[in-house]
Protein backbone atom coordinates (compact mmCIF):
# COMPACT_ATOMS: atom_id res chain seq x y z
CA UNK A 1 -50.52 9.48 -126.41
CA UNK A 2 -48.15 6.67 -127.35
CA UNK A 3 -47.88 8.34 -130.67
CA UNK A 4 -46.77 11.89 -129.15
CA UNK A 5 -44.13 10.28 -126.78
CA UNK A 6 -42.62 8.31 -129.87
CA UNK A 7 -42.57 11.59 -131.92
CA UNK A 8 -40.71 13.27 -129.05
CA UNK A 9 -38.48 10.44 -128.37
CA UNK A 10 -37.58 10.41 -132.49
CA UNK A 11 -37.03 14.17 -132.55
CA UNK A 12 -34.59 13.84 -129.66
CA UNK A 13 -32.76 11.52 -131.19
CA UNK A 14 -32.73 13.03 -134.66
CA UNK A 15 -31.27 16.36 -132.75
CA UNK A 16 -28.36 14.02 -131.15
CA UNK A 17 -27.15 13.29 -134.61
CA UNK A 18 -24.18 15.19 -135.75
CA UNK A 19 -24.18 15.69 -139.51
CA UNK A 20 -20.68 16.69 -141.16
CA UNK A 21 -21.05 19.75 -143.59
CA UNK A 22 -17.38 19.63 -145.61
CA UNK A 23 -16.14 22.73 -147.07
CA UNK A 24 -13.09 22.24 -149.17
CA UNK A 25 -11.05 25.41 -150.77
CA UNK A 26 -8.48 24.74 -153.47
CA UNK A 27 -5.60 27.51 -153.71
CA UNK A 28 -3.36 25.24 -156.12
CA UNK A 29 -3.04 26.80 -159.72
CA UNK A 30 -5.03 24.07 -161.34
CA UNK A 31 -8.44 22.11 -160.46
CA UNK A 32 -8.43 19.07 -157.56
CA UNK A 33 -10.92 16.35 -158.92
CA UNK A 34 -12.43 14.09 -156.53
CA UNK A 35 -10.83 10.59 -156.84
CA UNK A 36 -12.03 8.16 -153.65
CA UNK A 37 -13.86 8.14 -150.63
CA UNK A 38 -14.08 5.95 -147.37
CA UNK A 39 -17.52 5.99 -145.40
CA UNK A 40 -17.36 4.44 -142.07
CA UNK A 41 -20.56 5.93 -140.44
CA UNK A 42 -23.23 8.10 -141.97
CA UNK A 43 -24.00 8.49 -145.65
CA UNK A 44 -23.20 11.42 -148.36
CA UNK A 45 -26.10 13.11 -149.64
CA UNK A 46 -24.64 15.31 -152.47
CA UNK A 47 -22.16 14.85 -154.81
CA UNK A 48 -18.30 15.31 -154.25
CA UNK A 49 -17.39 18.22 -156.26
CA UNK A 50 -14.40 18.67 -158.61
CA UNK A 51 -12.74 22.32 -157.24
CA UNK A 52 -11.43 24.13 -159.96
CA UNK A 53 -8.41 26.57 -158.86
CA UNK A 54 -9.06 29.41 -156.37
CA UNK A 55 -12.37 27.90 -155.56
CA UNK A 56 -14.44 26.08 -153.13
CA UNK A 57 -16.67 23.05 -153.11
CA UNK A 58 -18.64 21.34 -150.70
CA UNK A 59 -20.94 18.24 -149.23
CA UNK A 60 -22.95 16.90 -146.66
CA UNK A 61 -22.60 13.72 -144.96
CA UNK A 62 -25.86 12.67 -142.77
CA UNK A 63 -24.86 10.97 -139.73
CA UNK A 64 -26.29 7.13 -138.80
CA UNK A 65 -26.56 6.01 -135.29
CA UNK A 66 -22.79 6.66 -134.54
CA UNK A 67 -22.27 10.38 -136.20
CA UNK A 68 -20.22 11.17 -139.31
CA UNK A 69 -17.04 9.56 -140.02
CA UNK A 70 -15.24 9.20 -143.68
CA UNK A 71 -12.46 10.40 -145.79
CA UNK A 72 -11.86 11.54 -149.58
CA UNK A 73 -8.98 11.68 -151.65
CA UNK A 74 -8.64 14.74 -154.45
CA UNK A 75 -5.95 14.55 -157.02
CA UNK A 76 -4.12 17.60 -158.85
CA UNK A 77 -0.85 19.16 -159.61
CA UNK A 78 1.53 21.00 -157.82
CA UNK A 79 3.30 24.00 -158.89
CA UNK A 80 6.06 21.97 -160.97
CA UNK A 81 3.18 20.16 -162.70
CA UNK A 82 3.55 16.92 -160.85
CA UNK A 83 0.67 14.60 -160.09
CA UNK A 84 -0.60 15.17 -156.19
CA UNK A 85 -2.92 14.04 -153.60
CA UNK A 86 -4.59 15.54 -150.66
CA UNK A 87 -6.30 13.43 -148.27
CA UNK A 88 -8.84 14.65 -145.78
CA UNK A 89 -10.72 12.45 -142.97
CA UNK A 90 -12.93 13.56 -140.55
CA UNK A 91 -15.14 12.30 -137.38
CA UNK A 92 -18.19 14.15 -135.65
CA UNK A 93 -20.04 11.50 -133.39
CA UNK A 94 -23.30 11.86 -132.32
CA UNK A 95 -24.02 14.27 -129.45
CA UNK A 96 -23.67 13.77 -126.20
CA UNK A 97 -20.82 11.87 -126.58
CA UNK A 98 -17.33 12.02 -125.06
CA UNK A 99 -15.65 11.79 -127.97
CA UNK A 100 -14.64 14.87 -129.88
CA UNK A 101 -14.51 15.98 -133.46
CA UNK A 102 -11.30 15.35 -134.71
CA UNK A 103 -9.80 15.45 -138.39
CA UNK A 104 -6.82 14.26 -140.37
CA UNK A 105 -4.78 15.14 -143.51
CA UNK A 106 -2.32 14.14 -145.67
CA UNK A 107 -0.62 14.82 -149.12
CA UNK A 108 2.05 14.04 -151.20
CA UNK A 109 2.86 12.50 -154.72
CA UNK A 110 -0.65 10.98 -156.38
CA UNK A 111 1.22 7.57 -156.37
CA UNK A 112 1.03 7.56 -152.50
CA UNK A 113 -3.09 7.64 -152.64
CA UNK A 114 -3.32 4.90 -155.25
CA UNK A 115 -4.20 2.00 -152.46
CA UNK A 116 -5.20 4.13 -149.82
CA UNK A 117 -4.80 2.28 -146.32
CA UNK A 118 -8.32 3.11 -145.24
CA UNK A 119 -7.35 1.17 -141.60
CA UNK A 120 -4.59 3.28 -140.97
CA UNK A 121 -6.01 6.32 -141.97
CA UNK A 122 -8.95 6.08 -139.48
CA UNK A 123 -6.31 4.75 -136.59
CA UNK A 124 -4.51 7.81 -137.25
CA UNK A 125 -7.87 10.03 -137.45
CA UNK A 126 -8.87 8.55 -133.83
CA UNK A 127 -5.62 9.71 -132.59
CA UNK A 128 -5.89 13.29 -133.85
CA UNK A 129 -7.71 16.38 -132.86
CA UNK A 130 -9.69 19.17 -134.03
CA UNK A 131 -7.24 21.69 -136.45
CA UNK A 132 -4.45 19.63 -138.05
CA UNK A 133 -1.73 20.95 -140.79
CA UNK A 134 0.43 18.85 -142.90
CA UNK A 135 3.60 20.02 -145.59
CA UNK A 136 5.09 17.60 -148.02
CA UNK A 137 8.55 18.59 -148.76
CA UNK A 138 8.69 16.79 -151.64
CA UNK A 139 5.90 17.70 -153.55
CA UNK A 140 5.66 21.19 -151.71
CA UNK A 141 2.18 20.74 -151.24
CA UNK A 142 -0.02 21.81 -147.83
CA UNK A 143 -3.22 20.72 -146.79
CA UNK A 144 -5.03 22.26 -143.47
CA UNK A 145 -8.61 21.30 -141.61
CA UNK A 146 -10.36 21.97 -138.76
CA UNK A 147 -13.89 20.76 -137.31
CA UNK A 148 -16.24 22.98 -135.73
CA UNK A 149 -19.47 21.99 -133.68
CA UNK A 150 -22.57 23.55 -134.86
CA UNK A 151 -26.29 23.04 -133.20
CA UNK A 152 -26.82 19.87 -134.70
CA UNK A 153 -23.87 19.41 -137.34
CA UNK A 154 -20.02 19.67 -137.44
CA UNK A 155 -18.59 22.09 -139.87
CA UNK A 156 -15.36 20.87 -141.60
CA UNK A 157 -13.22 23.17 -143.18
CA UNK A 158 -10.13 22.20 -145.57
CA UNK A 159 -7.51 24.07 -147.72
CA UNK A 160 -5.63 22.36 -150.52
CA UNK A 161 -2.60 24.08 -151.43
CA UNK A 162 0.90 23.88 -153.28
CA UNK A 163 3.57 26.45 -152.25
């Protein structure tokens, strides 16, 4: 009987886990390559993809006892052939929670992403919302992201672009 009760408790805990499925699309004219990642909560269970022009790539982050929270940087070129970077961060706390799912994005010259201040990214993410856009007028790059709640996972969608 005690084993059955423990199995139910463990199952309930697992159902509260908020894994994150990150799906990214590349609307630039060149491949964007994975550069770096920061994981605050959870663990990535698949490879970070490089994403060719006009294609999509995805990976999954398994939640830990706090949820799924992390960020990635991708590097590529804008329409003028200049090196650029796109940063995507997400937060999907375990359910139930008083905190909501959030995303944060930034793009610009690749040099800005050489030494990412992940502490600042996390602070910006914590103040963000579930739908965000960013346009960099210098590089003419853009990024859009949103996060939606599923039954036991959060779905993060992002688009890396150059205009």
